[in-house]
Amino acid sequence: MKIRPLQDRVIVKRVGEEEKTKGGIIIPDTAKEKPQEGKVVAVGKGKVNDDGKVTPLDVKVNDRVLFSKYSGAEISLEGEEVLIMREEDILGVIEK
């Protein structure tokens, strides 16, 4: 992907949701909610403080993150739907 987010912005690709429930029921596309989990694709350099110093971001490329349902702006890059959001919109990093 040929994009570099500015300052404290992060580009996140949503991770797909399960097609079936545990009981084996197939969920139609119209009933699915957008996933609130994603993979970080690109990060900016960091946030500029009042004194002019740059604070690096806590998240890095390939981190799996959790974010709120309506955070970020949806954009299409190279045919893929991704979200661009500020680091403060990310609720946490999922560790395995």
PDB file of N, CA and C in Angstrom:
ATOM      1  N   MET A   1       0.847  -1.171   0.000  1.00  0.00           N
ATOM      2  CA  MET A   1       0.000   0.000   0.000  1.00  0.00           C
ATOM      3  C   MET A   1       0.891   1.232   0.000  1.00  0.00           C
ATOM      4  N   LYS A   2       0.597   2.176  -0.847  1.00  0.00           N
ATOM      5  CA  LYS A   2       1.450   3.353  -1.029  1.00  0.00           C
ATOM      6  C   LYS A   2       0.840   4.586  -0.371  1.00  0.00           C
ATOM      7  N   ILE A   3       0.660   4.532   0.930  1.00  0.00           N
ATOM      8  CA  ILE A   3       0.146   5.695   1.653  1.00  0.00           C
ATOM      9  C   ILE A   3       0.819   5.745   3.021  1.00  0.00           C
ATOM     10  N   ARG A   4       1.125   6.959   3.452  1.00  0.00           N
ATOM     11  CA  ARG A   4       1.729   7.172   4.764  1.00  0.00           C
ATOM     12  C   ARG A   4       0.847   8.144   5.517  1.00  0.00           C
ATOM     13  N   PRO A   5       0.211   7.695   6.602  1.00  0.00           N
ATOM     14  CA  PRO A   5      -0.633   8.608   7.382  1.00  0.00           C
ATOM     15  C   PRO A   5       0.212   9.669   8.089  1.00  0.00           C
ATOM     16  N   LEU A   6      -0.391  10.800   8.328  1.00  0.00           N
ATOM     17  CA  LEU A   6       0.307  11.908   8.973  1.00  0.00           C
ATOM     18  C   LEU A   6       0.108  11.885  10.484  1.00  0.00           C
ATOM     19  N   GLN A   7       1.073  12.392  11.195  1.00  0.00           N
ATOM     20  CA  GLN A   7       1.087  12.581  12.645  1.00  0.00           C
ATOM     21  C   GLN A   7       0.624  11.341  13.398  1.00  0.00           C
ATOM     22  N   ASP A   8      -0.478  11.431  14.157  1.00  0.00           N
ATOM     23  CA  ASP A   8      -0.911  10.320  15.007  1.00  0.00           C
ATOM     24  C   ASP A   8      -2.019   9.494  14.366  1.00  0.00           C
ATOM     25  N   ARG A   9      -2.085   9.512  13.046  1.00  0.00           N
ATOM     26  CA  ARG A   9      -3.124   8.738  12.356  1.00  0.00           C
ATOM     27  C   ARG A   9      -2.623   7.329  12.038  1.00  0.00           C
ATOM     28  N   VAL A  10      -3.579   6.402  11.973  1.00  0.00           N
ATOM     29  CA  VAL A  10      -3.295   4.992  11.752  1.00  0.00           C
ATOM     30  C   VAL A  10      -4.254   4.474  10.688  1.00  0.00           C
ATOM     31  N   ILE A  11      -3.776   3.613   9.787  1.00  0.00           N
ATOM     32  CA  ILE A  11      -4.647   2.967   8.807  1.00  0.00           C
ATOM     33  C   ILE A  11      -4.865   1.538   9.251  1.00  0.00           C
ATOM     34  N   VAL A  12      -6.146   1.149   9.357  1.00  0.00           N
ATOM     35  CA  VAL A  12      -6.525  -0.158   9.879  1.00  0.00           C
ATOM     36  C   VAL A  12      -7.404  -0.871   8.860  1.00  0.00           C
ATOM     37  N   LYS A  13      -7.114  -2.139   8.625  1.00  0.00           N
ATOM     38  CA  LYS A  13      -7.956  -2.973   7.766  1.00  0.00           C
ATOM     39  C   LYS A  13      -8.794  -3.861   8.676  1.00  0.00           C
ATOM     40  N   ARG A  14     -10.115  -3.820   8.479  1.00  0.00           N
ATOM     41  CA  ARG A  14     -11.001  -4.629   9.321  1.00  0.00           C
ATOM     42  C   ARG A  14     -10.726  -6.114   9.121  1.00  0.00           C
ATOM     43  N   VAL A  15     -10.855  -6.866  10.216  1.00  0.00           N
ATOM     44  CA  VAL A  15     -10.709  -8.315  10.165  1.00  0.00           C
ATOM     45  C   VAL A  15     -12.115  -8.891  10.015  1.00  0.00           C
ATOM     46  N   GLY A  16     -12.284  -9.826   9.092  1.00  0.00           N
ATOM     47  CA  GLY A  16     -13.600 -10.399   8.799  1.00  0.00           C
ATOM     48  C   GLY A  16     -14.228 -11.108   9.976  1.00  0.00           C
ATOM     49  N   GLU A  17     -15.559 -11.097  10.002  1.00  0.00           N
ATOM     50  CA  GLU A  17     -16.316 -11.751  11.045  1.00  0.00           C
ATOM     51  C   GLU A  17     -16.658 -13.172  10.639  1.00  0.00           C
ATOM     52  N   GLU A  18     -17.021 -13.984  11.585  1.00  0.00           N
ATOM     53  CA  GLU A  18     -17.410 -15.366  11.315  1.00  0.00           C
ATOM     54  C   GLU A  18     -18.682 -15.401  10.474  1.00  0.00           C
ATOM     55  N   GLU A  19     -18.745 -16.346   9.553  1.00  0.00           N
ATOM     56  CA  GLU A  19     -19.919 -16.525   8.698  1.00  0.00           C
ATOM     57  C   GLU A  19     -20.999 -17.357   9.378  1.00  0.00           C
ATOM     58  N   LYS A  20     -20.604 -18.176  10.365  1.00  0.00           N
ATOM     59  CA  LYS A  20     -21.542 -19.059  11.056  1.00  0.00           C
ATOM     60  C   LYS A  20     -21.481 -18.812  12.554  1.00  0.00           C
ATOM     61  N   THR A  21     -22.573 -19.135  13.240  1.00  0.00           N
ATOM     62  CA  THR A  21     -22.573 -19.105  14.695  1.00  0.00           C
ATOM     63  C   THR A  21     -22.001 -20.416  15.206  1.00  0.00           C
ATOM     64  N   LYS A  22     -21.820 -20.529  16.505  1.00  0.00           N
ATOM     65  CA  LYS A  22     -21.299 -21.769  17.081  1.00  0.00           C
ATOM     66  C   LYS A  22     -22.242 -22.937  16.833  1.00  0.00           C
ATOM     67  N   GLY A  23     -23.538 -22.651  16.733  1.00  0.00           N
ATOM     68  CA  GLY A  23     -24.533 -23.696  16.493  1.00  0.00           C
ATOM     69  C   GLY A  23     -24.648 -24.093  15.028  1.00  0.00           C
ATOM     70  N   GLY A  24     -23.908 -23.418  14.135  1.00  0.00           N
ATOM     71  CA  GLY A  24     -23.920 -23.778  12.727  1.00  0.00           C
ATOM     72  C   GLY A  24     -24.864 -22.954  11.864  1.00  0.00           C
ATOM     73  N   ILE A  25     -25.494 -21.925  12.433  1.00  0.00           N
ATOM     74  CA  ILE A  25     -26.408 -21.081  11.671  1.00  0.00           C
ATOM     75  C   ILE A  25     -25.594 -20.092  10.845  1.00  0.00           C
ATOM     76  N   ILE A  26     -25.887 -20.014   9.553  1.00  0.00           N
ATOM     77  CA  ILE A  26     -25.190 -19.082   8.662  1.00  0.00           C
ATOM     78  C   ILE A  26     -25.814 -17.701   8.799  1.00  0.00           C
ATOM     79  N   ILE A  27     -24.968 -16.704   8.989  1.00  0.00           N
ATOM     80  CA  ILE A  27     -25.430 -15.324   9.179  1.00  0.00           C
ATOM     81  C   ILE A  27     -25.411 -14.609   7.832  1.00  0.00           C
ATOM     82  N   PRO A  28     -26.567 -14.075   7.380  1.00  0.00           N
ATOM     83  CA  PRO A  28     -26.579 -13.343   6.106  1.00  0.00           C
ATOM     84  C   PRO A  28     -25.850 -12.006   6.225  1.00  0.00           C
ATOM     85  N   ASP A  29     -25.380 -11.481   5.095  1.00  0.00           N
ATOM     86  CA  ASP A  29     -24.633 -10.215   5.093  1.00  0.00           C
ATOM     87  C   ASP A  29     -25.439  -9.061   5.672  1.00  0.00           C
ATOM     88  N   THR A  30     -26.749  -9.072   5.471  1.00  0.00           N
ATOM     89  CA  THR A  30     -27.579  -7.959   5.949  1.00  0.00           C
ATOM     90  C   THR A  30     -27.693  -7.929   7.472  1.00  0.00           C
ATOM     91  N   ALA A  31     -27.471  -9.056   8.130  1.00  0.00           N
ATOM     92  CA  ALA A  31     -27.601  -9.127   9.589  1.00  0.00           C
ATOM     93  C   ALA A  31     -26.267  -8.931  10.308  1.00  0.00           C
ATOM     94  N   LYS A  32     -25.187  -8.887   9.566  1.00  0.00           N
ATOM     95  CA  LYS A  32     -23.867  -8.758  10.192  1.00  0.00           C
ATOM     96  C   LYS A  32     -23.583  -7.317  10.587  1.00  0.00           C
ATOM     97  N   GLU A  33     -22.894  -7.179  11.703  1.00  0.00           N
ATOM     98  CA  GLU A  33     -22.392  -5.865  12.089  1.00  0.00           C
ATOM     99  C   GLU A  33     -20.955  -5.755  11.616  1.00  0.00           C
ATOM    100  N   LYS A  34     -20.494  -4.538  11.421  1.00  0.00           N
ATOM    101  CA  LYS A  34     -19.108  -4.351  11.014  1.00  0.00           C
ATOM    102  C   LYS A  34     -18.202  -4.744  12.165  1.00  0.00           C
ATOM    103  N   PRO A  35     -17.127  -5.468  11.862  1.00  0.00           N
ATOM    104  CA  PRO A  35     -16.224  -5.875  12.942  1.00  0.00           C
ATOM    105  C   PRO A  35     -15.537  -4.679  13.587  1.00  0.00           C
ATOM    106  N   GLN A  36     -15.266  -4.813  14.874  1.00  0.00           N
ATOM    107  CA  GLN A  36     -14.594  -3.760  15.626  1.00  0.00           C
ATOM    108  C   GLN A  36     -13.145  -4.134  15.896  1.00  0.00           C
ATOM    109  N   GLU A  37     -12.658  -5.070  15.119  1.00  0.00           N
ATOM    110  CA  GLU A  37     -11.292  -5.536  15.261  1.00  0.00           C
ATOM    111  C   GLU A  37     -10.603  -5.390  13.913  1.00  0.00           C
ATOM    112  N   GLY A  38      -9.327  -5.027  13.939  1.00  0.00           N
ATOM    113  CA  GLY A  38      -8.623  -4.849  12.683  1.00  0.00           C
ATOM    114  C   GLY A  38      -7.123  -5.022  12.832  1.00  0.00           C
ATOM    115  N   LYS A  39      -6.460  -4.973  11.685  1.00  0.00           N
ATOM    116  CA  LYS A  39      -5.010  -5.111  11.618  1.00  0.00           C
ATOM    117  C   LYS A  39      -4.429  -3.783  11.146  1.00  0.00           C
ATOM    118  N   VAL A  40      -3.425  -3.284  11.847  1.00  0.00           N
ATOM    119  CA  VAL A  40      -2.796  -2.011  11.495  1.00  0.00           C
ATOM    120  C   VAL A  40      -1.965  -2.205  10.228  1.00  0.00           C
ATOM    121  N   VAL A  41      -2.239  -1.377   9.218  1.00  0.00           N
ATOM    122  CA  VAL A  41      -1.556  -1.461   7.932  1.00  0.00           C
ATOM    123  C   VAL A  41      -0.430  -0.430   7.845  1.00  0.00           C
ATOM    124  N   ALA A  42      -0.656   0.767   8.389  1.00  0.00           N
ATOM    125  CA  ALA A  42       0.351   1.833   8.344  1.00  0.00           C
ATOM    126  C   ALA A  42       0.135   2.773   9.526  1.00  0.00           C
ATOM    127  N   VAL A  43       1.222   3.385   9.997  1.00  0.00           N
ATOM    128  CA  VAL A  43       1.148   4.347  11.103  1.00  0.00           C
ATOM    129  C   VAL A  43       1.915   5.608  10.743  1.00  0.00           C
ATOM    130  N   GLY A  44       1.505   6.718  11.347  1.00  0.00           N
ATOM    131  CA  GLY A  44       2.204   7.980  11.151  1.00  0.00           C
ATOM    132  C   GLY A  44       3.436   8.069  12.034  1.00  0.00           C
ATOM    133  N   LYS A  45       4.135   9.180  11.939  1.00  0.00           N
ATOM    134  CA  LYS A  45       5.380   9.374  12.701  1.00  0.00           C
ATOM    135  C   LYS A  45       5.129   9.559  14.193  1.00  0.00           C
ATOM    136  N   GLY A  46       4.009  10.189  14.552  1.00  0.00           N
ATOM    137  CA  GLY A  46       3.706  10.429  15.958  1.00  0.00           C
ATOM    138  C   GLY A  46       3.063  11.788  16.150  1.00  0.00           C
ATOM    139  N   LYS A  47       2.633  12.032  17.381  1.00  0.00           N
ATOM    140  CA  LYS A  47       1.954  13.277  17.709  1.00  0.00           C
ATOM    141  C   LYS A  47       2.971  14.335  18.124  1.00  0.00           C
ATOM    142  N   VAL A  48       2.792  15.550  17.612  1.00  0.00           N
ATOM    143  CA  VAL A  48       3.676  16.667  17.949  1.00  0.00           C
ATOM    144  C   VAL A  48       3.162  17.327  19.224  1.00  0.00           C
ATOM    145  N   ASN A  49       4.023  17.395  20.246  1.00  0.00           N
ATOM    146  CA  ASN A  49       3.658  18.013  21.518  1.00  0.00           C
ATOM    147  C   ASN A  49       3.696  19.536  21.406  1.00  0.00           C
ATOM    148  N   ASP A  50       3.291  20.208  22.481  1.00  0.00           N
ATOM    149  CA  ASP A  50       3.313  21.668  22.523  1.00  0.00           C
ATOM    150  C   ASP A  50       4.725  22.230  22.403  1.00  0.00           C
ATOM    151  N   ASP A  51       5.713  21.472  22.883  1.00  0.00           N
ATOM    152  CA  ASP A  51       7.098  21.952  22.818  1.00  0.00           C
ATOM    153  C   ASP A  51       7.791  21.580  21.500  1.00  0.00           C
ATOM    154  N   GLY A  52       7.058  20.973  20.564  1.00  0.00           N
ATOM    155  CA  GLY A  52       7.605  20.658  19.247  1.00  0.00           C
ATOM    156  C   GLY A  52       8.221  19.282  19.111  1.00  0.00           C
ATOM    157  N   LYS A  53       8.280  18.524  20.204  1.00  0.00           N
ATOM    158  CA  LYS A  53       8.836  17.170  20.142  1.00  0.00           C
ATOM    159  C   LYS A  53       7.771  16.188  19.651  1.00  0.00           C
ATOM    160  N   VAL A  54       8.223  15.162  18.929  1.00  0.00           N
ATOM    161  CA  VAL A  54       7.312  14.151  18.390  1.00  0.00           C
ATOM    162  C   VAL A  54       7.282  12.951  19.332  1.00  0.00           C
ATOM    163  N   THR A  55       6.080  12.586  19.788  1.00  0.00           N
ATOM    164  CA  THR A  55       5.896  11.411  20.624  1.00  0.00           C
ATOM    165  C   THR A  55       5.515  10.243  19.727  1.00  0.00           C
ATOM    166  N   PRO A  56       6.308   9.166  19.675  1.00  0.00           N
ATOM    167  CA  PRO A  56       5.978   8.039  18.804  1.00  0.00           C
ATOM    168  C   PRO A  56       4.704   7.338  19.253  1.00  0.00           C
ATOM    169  N   LEU A  57       4.066   6.635  18.309  1.00  0.00           N
ATOM    170  CA  LEU A  57       2.815   5.948  18.596  1.00  0.00           C
ATOM    171  C   LEU A  57       3.062   4.633  19.329  1.00  0.00           C
ATOM    172  N   ASP A  58       2.043   4.194  20.094  1.00  0.00           N
ATOM    173  CA  ASP A  58       2.136   2.920  20.820  1.00  0.00           C
ATOM    174  C   ASP A  58       1.873   1.725  19.917  1.00  0.00           C
ATOM    175  N   VAL A  59       1.085   1.923  18.857  1.00  0.00           N
ATOM    176  CA  VAL A  59       0.778   0.818  17.948  1.00  0.00           C
ATOM    177  C   VAL A  59       1.782   0.775  16.812  1.00  0.00           C
ATOM    178  N   LYS A  60       1.953  -0.402  16.226  1.00  0.00           N
ATOM    179  CA  LYS A  60       2.866  -0.555  15.097  1.00  0.00           C
ATOM    180  C   LYS A  60       2.184  -1.400  14.021  1.00  0.00           C
ATOM    181  N   VAL A  61       2.784  -1.455  12.859  1.00  0.00           N
ATOM    182  CA  VAL A  61       2.237  -2.215  11.737  1.00  0.00           C
ATOM    183  C   VAL A  61       2.107  -3.686  12.134  1.00  0.00           C
ATOM    184  N   ASN A  62       1.020  -4.310  11.710  1.00  0.00           N
ATOM    185  CA  ASN A  62       0.652  -5.716  11.961  1.00  0.00           C
ATOM    186  C   ASN A  62       0.079  -5.971  13.344  1.00  0.00           C
ATOM    187  N   ASP A  63      -0.101  -4.941  14.191  1.00  0.00           N
ATOM    188  CA  ASP A  63      -0.799  -5.128  15.465  1.00  0.00           C
ATOM    189  C   ASP A  63      -2.275  -5.372  15.185  1.00  0.00           C
ATOM    190  N   ARG A  64      -2.901  -6.258  15.981  1.00  0.00           N
ATOM    191  CA  ARG A  64      -4.359  -6.429  15.925  1.00  0.00           C
ATOM    192  C   ARG A  64      -4.939  -5.513  16.991  1.00  0.00           C
ATOM    193  N   VAL A  65      -5.862  -4.656  16.586  1.00  0.00           N
ATOM    194  CA  VAL A  65      -6.391  -3.646  17.491  1.00  0.00           C
ATOM    195  C   VAL A  65      -7.908  -3.728  17.584  1.00  0.00           C
ATOM    196  N   LEU A  66      -8.426  -3.171  18.655  1.00  0.00           N
ATOM    197  CA  LEU A  66      -9.850  -3.078  18.915  1.00  0.00           C
ATOM    198  C   LEU A  66     -10.218  -1.610  18.906  1.00  0.00           C
ATOM    199  N   PHE A  67     -11.301  -1.259  18.200  1.00  0.00           N
ATOM    200  CA  PHE A  67     -11.710   0.134  18.118  1.00  0.00           C
ATOM    201  C   PHE A  67     -13.216   0.227  18.227  1.00  0.00           C
ATOM    202  N   SER A  68     -13.722   1.418  18.506  1.00  0.00           N
ATOM    203  CA  SER A  68     -15.161   1.584  18.664  1.00  0.00           C
ATOM    204  C   SER A  68     -15.866   1.487  17.317  1.00  0.00           C
ATOM    205  N   LYS A  69     -17.140   1.215  17.373  1.00  0.00           N
ATOM    206  CA  LYS A  69     -17.937   0.904  16.184  1.00  0.00           C
ATOM    207  C   LYS A  69     -17.933   2.017  15.145  1.00  0.00           C
ATOM    208  N   TYR A  70     -17.982   3.248  15.566  1.00  0.00           N
ATOM    209  CA  TYR A  70     -18.121   4.366  14.625  1.00  0.00           C
ATOM    210  C   TYR A  70     -16.857   5.219  14.513  1.00  0.00           C
ATOM    211  N   SER A  71     -15.718   4.679  14.887  1.00  0.00           N
ATOM    212  CA  SER A  71     -14.499   5.487  14.831  1.00  0.00           C
ATOM    213  C   SER A  71     -13.862   5.421  13.450  1.00  0.00           C
ATOM    214  N   GLY A  72     -13.121   6.457  13.126  1.00  0.00           N
ATOM    215  CA  GLY A  72     -12.386   6.496  11.867  1.00  0.00           C
ATOM    216  C   GLY A  72     -13.239   6.869  10.673  1.00  0.00           C
ATOM    217  N   ALA A  73     -12.554   7.058   9.564  1.00  0.00           N
ATOM    218  CA  ALA A  73     -13.205   7.373   8.286  1.00  0.00           C
ATOM    219  C   ALA A  73     -12.909   6.234   7.322  1.00  0.00           C
ATOM    220  N   GLU A  74     -13.956   5.709   6.694  1.00  0.00           N
ATOM    221  CA  GLU A  74     -13.774   4.620   5.740  1.00  0.00           C
ATOM    222  C   GLU A  74     -13.318   5.182   4.402  1.00  0.00           C
ATOM    223  N   ILE A  75     -12.245   4.606   3.874  1.00  0.00           N
ATOM    224  CA  ILE A  75     -11.748   5.016   2.560  1.00  0.00           C
ATOM    225  C   ILE A  75     -11.431   3.760   1.759  1.00  0.00           C
ATOM    226  N   SER A  76     -11.332   3.913   0.459  1.00  0.00           N
ATOM    227  CA  SER A  76     -11.000   2.798  -0.414  1.00  0.00           C
ATOM    228  C   SER A  76      -9.611   3.039  -0.999  1.00  0.00           C
ATOM    229  N   LEU A  77      -8.697   2.110  -0.741  1.00  0.00           N
ATOM    230  CA  LEU A  77      -7.332   2.190  -1.262  1.00  0.00           C
ATOM    231  C   LEU A  77      -7.041   0.933  -2.063  1.00  0.00           C
ATOM    232  N   GLU A  78      -6.709   1.113  -3.316  1.00  0.00           N
ATOM    233  CA  GLU A  78      -6.369  -0.004  -4.187  1.00  0.00           C
ATOM    234  C   GLU A  78      -7.432  -1.093  -4.150  1.00  0.00           C
ATOM    235  N   GLY A  79      -8.700  -0.696  -4.117  1.00  0.00           N
ATOM    236  CA  GLY A  79      -9.810  -1.643  -4.123  1.00  0.00           C
ATOM    237  C   GLY A  79     -10.138  -2.260  -2.774  1.00  0.00           C
ATOM    238  N   GLU A  80      -9.450  -1.886  -1.705  1.00  0.00           N
ATOM    239  CA  GLU A  80      -9.710  -2.423  -0.376  1.00  0.00           C
ATOM    240  C   GLU A  80     -10.310  -1.338   0.509  1.00  0.00           C
ATOM    241  N   GLU A  81     -11.294  -1.731   1.312  1.00  0.00           N
ATOM    242  CA  GLU A  81     -11.885  -0.807   2.270  1.00  0.00           C
ATOM    243  C   GLU A  81     -11.040  -0.802   3.537  1.00  0.00           C
ATOM    244  N   VAL A  82     -10.552   0.365   3.935  1.00  0.00           N
ATOM    245  CA  VAL A  82      -9.751   0.513   5.152  1.00  0.00           C
ATOM    246  C   VAL A  82     -10.272   1.701   5.951  1.00  0.00           C
ATOM    247  N   LEU A  83      -9.859   1.774   7.192  1.00  0.00           N
ATOM    248  CA  LEU A  83     -10.216   2.893   8.066  1.00  0.00           C
ATOM    249  C   LEU A  83      -8.964   3.709   8.346  1.00  0.00           C
ATOM    250  N   ILE A  84      -9.131   5.025   8.375  1.00  0.00           N
ATOM    251  CA  ILE A  84      -8.050   5.886   8.824  1.00  0.00           C
ATOM    252  C   ILE A  84      -8.566   6.595  10.076  1.00  0.00           C
ATOM    253  N   MET A  85      -7.808   6.468  11.166  1.00  0.00           N
ATOM    254  CA  MET A  85      -8.259   7.008  12.449  1.00  0.00           C
ATOM    255  C   MET A  85      -7.067   7.506  13.245  1.00  0.00           C
ATOM    256  N   ARG A  86      -7.353   8.275  14.259  1.00  0.00           N
ATOM    257  CA  ARG A  86      -6.314   8.731  15.170  1.00  0.00           C
ATOM    258  C   ARG A  86      -6.003   7.606  16.157  1.00  0.00           C
ATOM    259  N   GLU A  87      -4.797   7.622  16.683  1.00  0.00           N
ATOM    260  CA  GLU A  87      -4.418   6.581  17.638  1.00  0.00           C
ATOM    261  C   GLU A  87      -5.325   6.603  18.866  1.00  0.00           C
ATOM    262  N   GLU A  88      -5.802   7.764  19.261  1.00  0.00           N
ATOM    263  CA  GLU A  88      -6.667   7.852  20.441  1.00  0.00           C
ATOM    264  C   GLU A  88      -8.012   7.148  20.248  1.00  0.00           C
ATOM    265  N   ASP A  89      -8.406   6.861  18.986  1.00  0.00           N
ATOM    266  CA  ASP A  89      -9.639   6.135  18.716  1.00  0.00           C
ATOM    267  C   ASP A  89      -9.487   4.634  18.912  1.00  0.00           C
ATOM    268  N   ILE A  90      -8.250   4.150  19.022  1.00  0.00           N
ATOM    269  CA  ILE A  90      -7.999   2.731  19.242  1.00  0.00           C
ATOM    270  C   ILE A  90      -8.134   2.440  20.731  1.00  0.00           C
ATOM    271  N   LEU A  91      -8.954   1.430  21.042  1.00  0.00           N
ATOM    272  CA  LEU A  91      -9.228   1.110  22.439  1.00  0.00           C
ATOM    273  C   LEU A  91      -8.162   0.226  23.049  1.00  0.00           C
ATOM    274  N   GLY A  92      -7.547  -0.636  22.255  1.00  0.00           N
ATOM    275  CA  GLY A  92      -6.529  -1.525  22.791  1.00  0.00           C
ATOM    276  C   GLY A  92      -5.893  -2.373  21.713  1.00  0.00           C
ATOM    277  N   VAL A  93      -4.772  -2.996  22.074  1.00  0.00           N
ATOM    278  CA  VAL A  93      -4.056  -3.919  21.196  1.00  0.00           C
ATOM    279  C   VAL A  93      -4.337  -5.332  21.693  1.00  0.00           C
ATOM    280  N   ILE A  94      -4.735  -6.209  20.773  1.00  0.00           N
ATOM    281  CA  ILE A  94      -5.025  -7.597  21.121  1.00  0.00           C
ATOM    282  C   ILE A  94      -3.732  -8.387  21.055  1.00  0.00           C
ATOM    283  N   GLU A  95      -3.352  -8.966  22.183  1.00  0.00           N
ATOM    284  CA  GLU A  95      -2.115  -9.746  22.239  1.00  0.00           C
ATOM    285  C   GLU A  95      -2.470 -11.216  22.266  1.00  0.00           C
ATOM    286  N   LYS A  96      -1.644 -12.003  21.587  1.00  0.00           N
ATOM    287  CA  LYS A  96      -1.919 -13.450  21.528  1.00  0.00           C
ATOM    288  C   LYS A  96      -0.906 -14.219  22.315  1.00  0.00           C
TER     289      LYS A  96
END
